[in-house]
């Protein structure tokens, strides 16, 4: 006789059946929530909401109940997660914060403009007592002290708009990228920006790949007249990369002209096809005449 497989689903089912009843959830929160949070909540507005955003892999390890409740500062969430395994999970704190972030994301996707307060609660009933692991998710990192410093302080900000150009020029291999991106809207003062780019390139930190990337970026974001002037001024000032810059610039300009021709030809084919279709010509014949696909022609009808 085969041994009956023991599952943990009774725990999950029991918890959910109890907690989906508003009056039961009200008592649960009244007993277990911290006082300062309870003081903010209007429990007469307590409502069970959809928690289907939780991914299947994690959902298979947990049961979840998600409630919304109005507070004195707008609408917030109370998020309850239950671990049903008898062995506590060392990464549980991370899972709790992960679910909280997903609840916040769902709130934003519904059109809200501010983050809700999400209160994660772990309901533990394992054999090991007391619960042995930390409740702070930063303790899940091997470098927990550094993690706490990183995630509980403002994130590092590299704001090119306030960094002086003379400082950016000294940023070695990334100087040309930072200067080009800071002055992406160069119009009237493109000559000064060009001099800065040339100054950075003359320091010989950048590879051919870097130069090609930056020139391609400039080719895309500035008009063709300014691009030609930028290339001309850079080549006049940069001896060490002059030939490379000219070759790359010429290739980009040839590519741009070819793309322009192809785009014009495509537009002409579309106009011809539209006229033929309007005059009752069959799709098969129009396909042969213009080279357009059936899907493209169907989209014109």
Protein backbone atom coordinates (compact mmCIF):
# COMPACT_ATOMS: atom_id res chain seq x y z
CA UNK A 1 0.00 0.00 0.00
CA UNK A 2 1.39 3.35 -1.01
CA UNK A 3 1.88 5.97 1.65
CA UNK A 4 -0.57 8.80 1.36
CA UNK A 5 1.15 11.97 0.29
CA UNK A 6 0.89 14.62 2.98
CA UNK A 7 0.43 18.16 1.72
CA UNK A 8 0.24 21.49 3.46
CA UNK A 9 -2.81 22.73 1.57
CA UNK A 10 -5.16 22.32 4.59
CA UNK A 11 -3.26 25.12 6.33
CA UNK A 12 -3.64 27.34 3.29
CA UNK A 13 -7.32 26.57 2.79
CA UNK A 14 -8.18 27.05 6.46
CA UNK A 15 -6.41 30.37 6.72
CA UNK A 16 -8.05 31.72 3.58
CA UNK A 17 -11.53 30.55 4.53
CA UNK A 18 -11.21 32.31 7.87
CA UNK A 19 -9.55 35.47 6.62
CA UNK A 20 -11.80 36.17 3.64
CA UNK A 21 -14.57 36.88 6.14
CA UNK A 22 -14.38 40.60 6.84
CA UNK A 23 -15.41 40.29 10.49
CA UNK A 24 -12.64 37.72 11.07
CA UNK A 25 -10.05 39.85 9.33
CA UNK A 26 -11.16 42.84 11.38
CA UNK A 27 -10.41 41.00 14.62
CA UNK A 28 -7.12 39.66 13.23
CA UNK A 29 -5.90 43.16 12.43
CA UNK A 30 -7.25 44.66 15.60
CA UNK A 31 -5.30 42.12 17.63
CA UNK A 32 -2.08 41.88 15.64
CA UNK A 33 -1.43 45.23 13.93
CA UNK A 34 0.86 47.76 15.64
CA UNK A 35 -1.09 50.48 17.44
CA UNK A 36 0.28 53.36 15.38
CA UNK A 37 -0.96 51.67 12.22
CA UNK A 38 -4.37 50.81 13.67
CA UNK A 39 -4.85 54.45 14.65
CA UNK A 40 -4.60 55.44 10.98
CA UNK A 41 -7.14 52.90 9.73
CA UNK A 42 -10.89 53.16 9.30
CA UNK A 43 -11.77 49.48 9.62
CA UNK A 44 -15.34 50.10 8.51
CA UNK A 45 -13.86 50.40 4.99
CA UNK A 46 -11.93 47.12 5.19
CA UNK A 47 -12.22 45.30 1.86
CA UNK A 48 -10.75 42.10 0.43
CA UNK A 49 -9.10 42.83 -2.93
CA UNK A 50 -7.53 40.87 -5.73
CA UNK A 51 -4.01 39.55 -5.09
CA UNK A 52 -3.61 37.71 -8.41
CA UNK A 53 -0.44 39.68 -9.15
CA UNK A 54 1.54 37.24 -7.00
CA UNK A 55 3.57 34.97 -9.26
CA UNK A 56 2.80 31.26 -9.32
CA UNK A 57 6.18 30.07 -8.08
CA UNK A 58 5.99 32.06 -4.87
CA UNK A 59 2.26 31.57 -4.51
CA UNK A 60 2.85 27.81 -4.37
CA UNK A 61 4.85 28.34 -1.20
CA UNK A 62 2.53 30.79 0.53
CA UNK A 63 -1.08 31.73 0.96
CA UNK A 64 -1.88 35.38 0.67
CA UNK A 65 -4.71 37.65 1.65
CA UNK A 66 -4.68 41.27 0.57
CA UNK A 67 -6.98 43.91 2.03
CA UNK A 68 -7.45 47.60 1.36
CA UNK A 69 -8.54 50.02 4.05
CA UNK A 70 -9.08 53.77 3.95
CA UNK A 71 -6.88 55.79 6.24
CA UNK A 72 -6.64 59.36 7.40
CA UNK A 73 -4.05 59.91 4.68
CA UNK A 74 -5.92 58.31 1.79
CA UNK A 75 -6.22 54.68 0.75
CA UNK A 76 -3.69 52.13 1.91
CA UNK A 77 -3.13 48.40 1.83
CA UNK A 78 -2.81 45.85 4.56
CA UNK A 79 -1.02 42.86 3.15
CA UNK A 80 -1.05 39.57 5.05
CA UNK A 81 1.25 36.72 4.05
CA UNK A 82 1.22 33.31 5.69
CA UNK A 83 4.07 30.81 5.64
CA UNK A 84 2.70 27.29 5.87
CA UNK A 85 5.91 25.32 6.00
CA UNK A 86 6.92 23.78 9.29
CA UNK A 87 10.52 24.77 8.58
CA UNK A 88 10.99 28.56 8.67
CA UNK A 89 12.38 30.24 5.57
CA UNK A 90 15.57 32.23 5.96
CA UNK A 91 14.58 34.38 2.95
CA UNK A 92 11.09 35.06 4.26
CA UNK A 93 11.79 38.72 5.00
CA UNK A 94 12.78 39.26 1.38
CA UNK A 95 9.65 37.47 0.15
CA UNK A 96 7.51 39.71 2.33
CA UNK A 97 9.03 42.90 0.94
CA UNK A 98 8.85 41.48 -2.59
CA UNK A 99 5.10 40.93 -2.23
CA UNK A 100 4.73 44.40 -0.78
CA UNK A 101 6.47 45.95 -3.78
CA UNK A 102 4.20 44.00 -6.13
CA UNK A 103 1.13 45.26 -4.28
CA UNK A 104 2.42 48.80 -4.63
CA UNK A 105 2.99 48.24 -8.33
CA UNK A 106 -0.55 46.95 -8.79
CA UNK A 107 -1.82 50.09 -7.06
CA UNK A 108 0.07 52.29 -9.52
CA UNK A 109 -1.10 50.26 -12.52
CA UNK A 110 -4.66 51.01 -11.48
CA UNK A 111 -3.99 54.70 -12.15
CA UNK A 112 -3.03 55.90 -8.68
CA UNK A 113 -0.26 58.49 -8.49
CA UNK A 114 1.21 57.79 -5.05
CA UNK A 115 2.41 54.62 -3.37
CA UNK A 116 0.15 52.97 -0.82
CA UNK A 117 1.30 51.89 2.62
CA UNK A 118 1.74 48.12 2.56
CA UNK A 119 2.01 46.35 5.92
CA UNK A 120 3.38 42.80 5.62
CA UNK A 121 2.55 40.39 8.46
CA UNK A 122 4.00 36.92 8.85
CA UNK A 123 1.65 34.37 10.45
CA UNK A 124 3.99 31.59 11.59
CA UNK A 125 3.03 28.17 12.96
CA UNK A 126 6.07 26.00 12.39
CA UNK A 127 7.49 23.34 14.69
CA UNK A 128 10.59 25.37 15.47
CA UNK A 129 9.96 27.94 18.18
CA UNK A 130 10.41 30.81 18.35
CA UNK A 131 10.73 31.99 14.76
CA UNK A 132 14.52 31.95 14.25
CA UNK A 133 15.17 34.44 11.46
CA UNK A 134 15.32 38.20 11.09
CA UNK A 135 12.24 40.17 10.11
CA UNK A 136 14.21 42.87 8.32
CA UNK A 137 14.72 42.03 4.65
CA UNK A 138 18.16 43.64 4.52
CA UNK A 139 19.36 40.84 6.80
CA UNK A 140 18.92 38.50 3.84
CA UNK A 141 22.06 40.02 2.27
CA UNK A 142 25.51 38.71 3.10
CA UNK A 143 26.56 42.36 3.47
CA UNK A 144 23.54 43.29 5.54
CA UNK A 145 24.97 46.49 7.05
CA UNK A 146 25.84 47.84 3.62
CA UNK A 147 22.43 46.76 2.28
CA UNK A 148 20.70 48.70 5.04
CA UNK A 149 22.76 51.77 4.24
CA UNK A 150 21.96 51.49 0.53
CA UNK A 151 18.24 50.80 0.78
CA UNK A 152 17.32 53.09 3.64
CA UNK A 153 19.02 56.17 2.28
CA UNK A 154 18.53 58.21 -0.91
CA UNK A 155 19.94 56.40 -3.96
CA UNK A 156 23.08 57.75 -5.64
CA UNK A 157 22.24 60.36 -8.28
CA UNK A 158 24.45 61.29 -11.21
CA UNK A 159 22.85 64.51 -12.40
CA UNK A 160 24.73 65.59 -15.52
CA UNK A 161 22.73 68.80 -15.67
CA UNK A 162 24.52 70.22 -12.63
CA UNK A 163 28.03 68.83 -13.15
CA UNK A 164 30.46 71.37 -14.58
CA UNK A 165 31.70 70.58 -18.09
CA UNK A 166 35.32 71.00 -17.01
CA UNK A 167 34.77 68.22 -14.50
CA UNK A 168 33.09 65.95 -17.05
CA UNK A 169 36.03 66.32 -19.43
CA UNK A 170 38.22 64.67 -16.79
CA UNK A 171 36.01 61.57 -16.52
CA UNK A 172 38.37 59.50 -18.66
CA UNK A 173 36.62 56.90 -20.88
CA UNK A 174 33.08 58.02 -20.06
CA UNK A 175 33.71 61.74 -20.61
CA UNK A 176 32.56 61.76 -24.26
CA UNK A 177 29.36 59.90 -23.39
CA UNK A 178 28.52 62.23 -20.50
CA UNK A 179 29.26 65.38 -22.49
CA UNK A 180 27.24 64.23 -25.51
CA UNK A 181 24.27 63.28 -23.35
CA UNK A 182 24.40 66.42 -21.22
CA UNK A 183 24.35 68.59 -24.36
CA UNK A 184 21.98 66.39 -26.40
CA UNK A 185 19.89 69.43 -27.34
CA UNK A 186 22.85 71.35 -28.73
CA UNK A 187 21.65 73.98 -31.16
CA UNK A 188 23.10 77.44 -30.75
CA UNK A 189 26.08 76.46 -28.62
CA UNK A 190 27.11 73.27 -30.39
CA UNK A 191 30.58 74.68 -31.09
CA UNK A 192 31.41 74.85 -27.38
CA UNK A 193 30.18 71.28 -26.91
CA UNK A 194 32.23 70.14 -29.89
CA UNK A 195 35.36 71.65 -28.34
CA UNK A 196 34.66 69.73 -25.11
CA UNK A 197 34.20 66.46 -27.02
CA UNK A 198 37.42 67.05 -28.90
CA UNK A 199 39.22 67.82 -25.66
CA UNK A 200 38.04 64.53 -24.17
CA UNK A 201 38.95 62.53 -27.30
CA UNK A 202 42.45 64.02 -27.44
CA UNK A 203 43.21 62.36 -24.10
CA UNK A 204 43.14 59.04 -25.97
CA UNK A 205 41.05 57.07 -23.48
CA UNK A 206 38.49 55.93 -26.03
CA UNK A 207 38.53 52.97 -28.39
CA UNK A 208 37.25 52.94 -31.96
CA UNK A 209 34.08 51.28 -30.65
CA UNK A 210 33.51 54.17 -28.22
CA UNK A 211 33.99 56.75 -30.93
CA UNK A 212 31.63 54.94 -33.30
CA UNK A 213 28.99 54.73 -30.56
CA UNK A 214 29.19 58.44 -29.75
CA UNK A 215 29.19 59.55 -33.39
CA UNK A 216 26.19 57.33 -34.07
CA UNK A 217 24.44 58.92 -31.09
CA UNK A 218 25.18 62.42 -32.38
CA UNK A 219 24.09 61.40 -35.89
CA UNK A 220 20.71 60.37 -34.50
CA UNK A 221 20.02 63.30 -32.15
CA UNK A 222 21.27 66.31 -34.15
CA UNK A 223 20.30 67.47 -37.62
CA UNK A 224 22.53 66.60 -40.57
CA UNK A 225 23.95 70.12 -40.97
CA UNK A 226 25.07 70.30 -37.36
CA UNK A 227 26.41 66.74 -37.50
CA UNK A 228 28.66 67.62 -40.45
CA UNK A 229 29.89 70.73 -38.63
CA UNK A 230 30.54 68.76 -35.45
CA UNK A 231 32.55 66.11 -37.30
CA UNK A 232 34.50 68.75 -39.20
CA UNK A 233 35.43 70.64 -36.02
CA UNK A 234 36.36 67.50 -34.11
CA UNK A 235 38.65 66.24 -36.89
CA UNK A 236 40.35 69.62 -37.02
CA UNK A 237 41.11 69.43 -33.30
CA UNK A 238 41.79 65.73 -32.76
CA UNK A 239 44.90 64.35 -34.43
CA UNK A 240 44.94 60.93 -32.79
CA UNK A 241 41.52 59.78 -34.07
CA UNK A 242 41.07 61.92 -37.19
CA UNK A 243 40.97 59.14 -39.79
CA UNK A 244 38.73 56.94 -37.64
CA UNK A 245 36.27 59.78 -37.06
CA UNK A 246 36.09 60.69 -40.75
CA UNK A 247 35.54 57.07 -41.84
CA UNK A 248 32.80 56.48 -39.29
CA UNK A 249 31.09 59.78 -40.07
CA UNK A 250 31.13 59.05 -43.82
CA UNK A 251 29.64 55.60 -43.24
CA UNK A 252 26.89 57.04 -41.06
CA UNK A 253 26.05 59.69 -43.63
CA UNK A 254 25.94 57.11 -46.44
CA UNK A 255 23.69 54.95 -44.31
CA UNK A 256 21.43 57.91 -43.60
CA UNK A 257 21.13 58.78 -47.29
CA UNK A 258 20.36 55.16 -48.18
CA UNK A 259 17.73 54.98 -45.45
CA UNK A 260 16.19 58.20 -46.72
CA UNK A 261 16.03 56.83 -50.26
CA UNK A 262 14.52 53.54 -49.05
CA UNK A 263 11.96 55.40 -46.95
CA UNK A 264 10.99 57.57 -49.91
CA UNK A 265 10.66 54.53 -52.16
CA UNK A 266 8.52 52.79 -49.58
CA UNK A 267 6.19 55.78 -49.30
CA UNK A 268 5.88 55.90 -53.09
CA UNK A 269 5.01 52.19 -53.24
CA UNK A 270 2.38 52.64 -50.53
CA UNK A 271 0.78 55.55 -52.41
CA UNK A 272 0.71 53.56 -55.66
CA UNK A 273 -0.74 50.53 -53.89
CA UNK A 274 -3.46 52.59 -52.22
CA UNK A 275 -4.51 54.05 -55.59
CA UNK A 276 -4.55 50.64 -57.26
CA UNK A 277 -6.63 49.10 -54.49
CA UNK A 278 -9.10 51.98 -54.59
CA UNK A 279 -9.54 51.31 -58.32
CA UNK A 280 -10.39 47.66 -57.75
CA UNK A 281 -7.07 46.05 -58.68
CA UNK A 282 -6.61 42.65 -57.00
CA UNK A 283 -4.27 42.30 -54.04
CA UNK A 284 -2.19 39.69 -55.91
CA UNK A 285 -1.53 42.07 -58.79
CA UNK A 286 -0.75 44.98 -56.46
CA UNK A 287 1.70 42.75 -54.57
CA UNK A 288 3.55 41.99 -57.83
CA UNK A 289 3.49 45.63 -58.90
CA UNK A 290 4.72 47.23 -55.68
CA UNK A 291 6.62 44.52 -53.83
CA UNK A 292 4.54 45.11 -50.71
CA UNK A 293 3.39 42.19 -48.59
CA UNK A 294 -0.21 41.02 -48.28
CA UNK A 295 -0.28 42.21 -44.65
CA UNK A 296 0.89 45.67 -45.66
CA UNK A 297 -1.76 45.89 -48.38
CA UNK A 298 -4.52 44.67 -46.09
CA UNK A 299 -3.63 47.41 -43.62
CA UNK A 300 -4.27 49.99 -46.36
CA UNK A 301 -7.81 48.83 -47.05
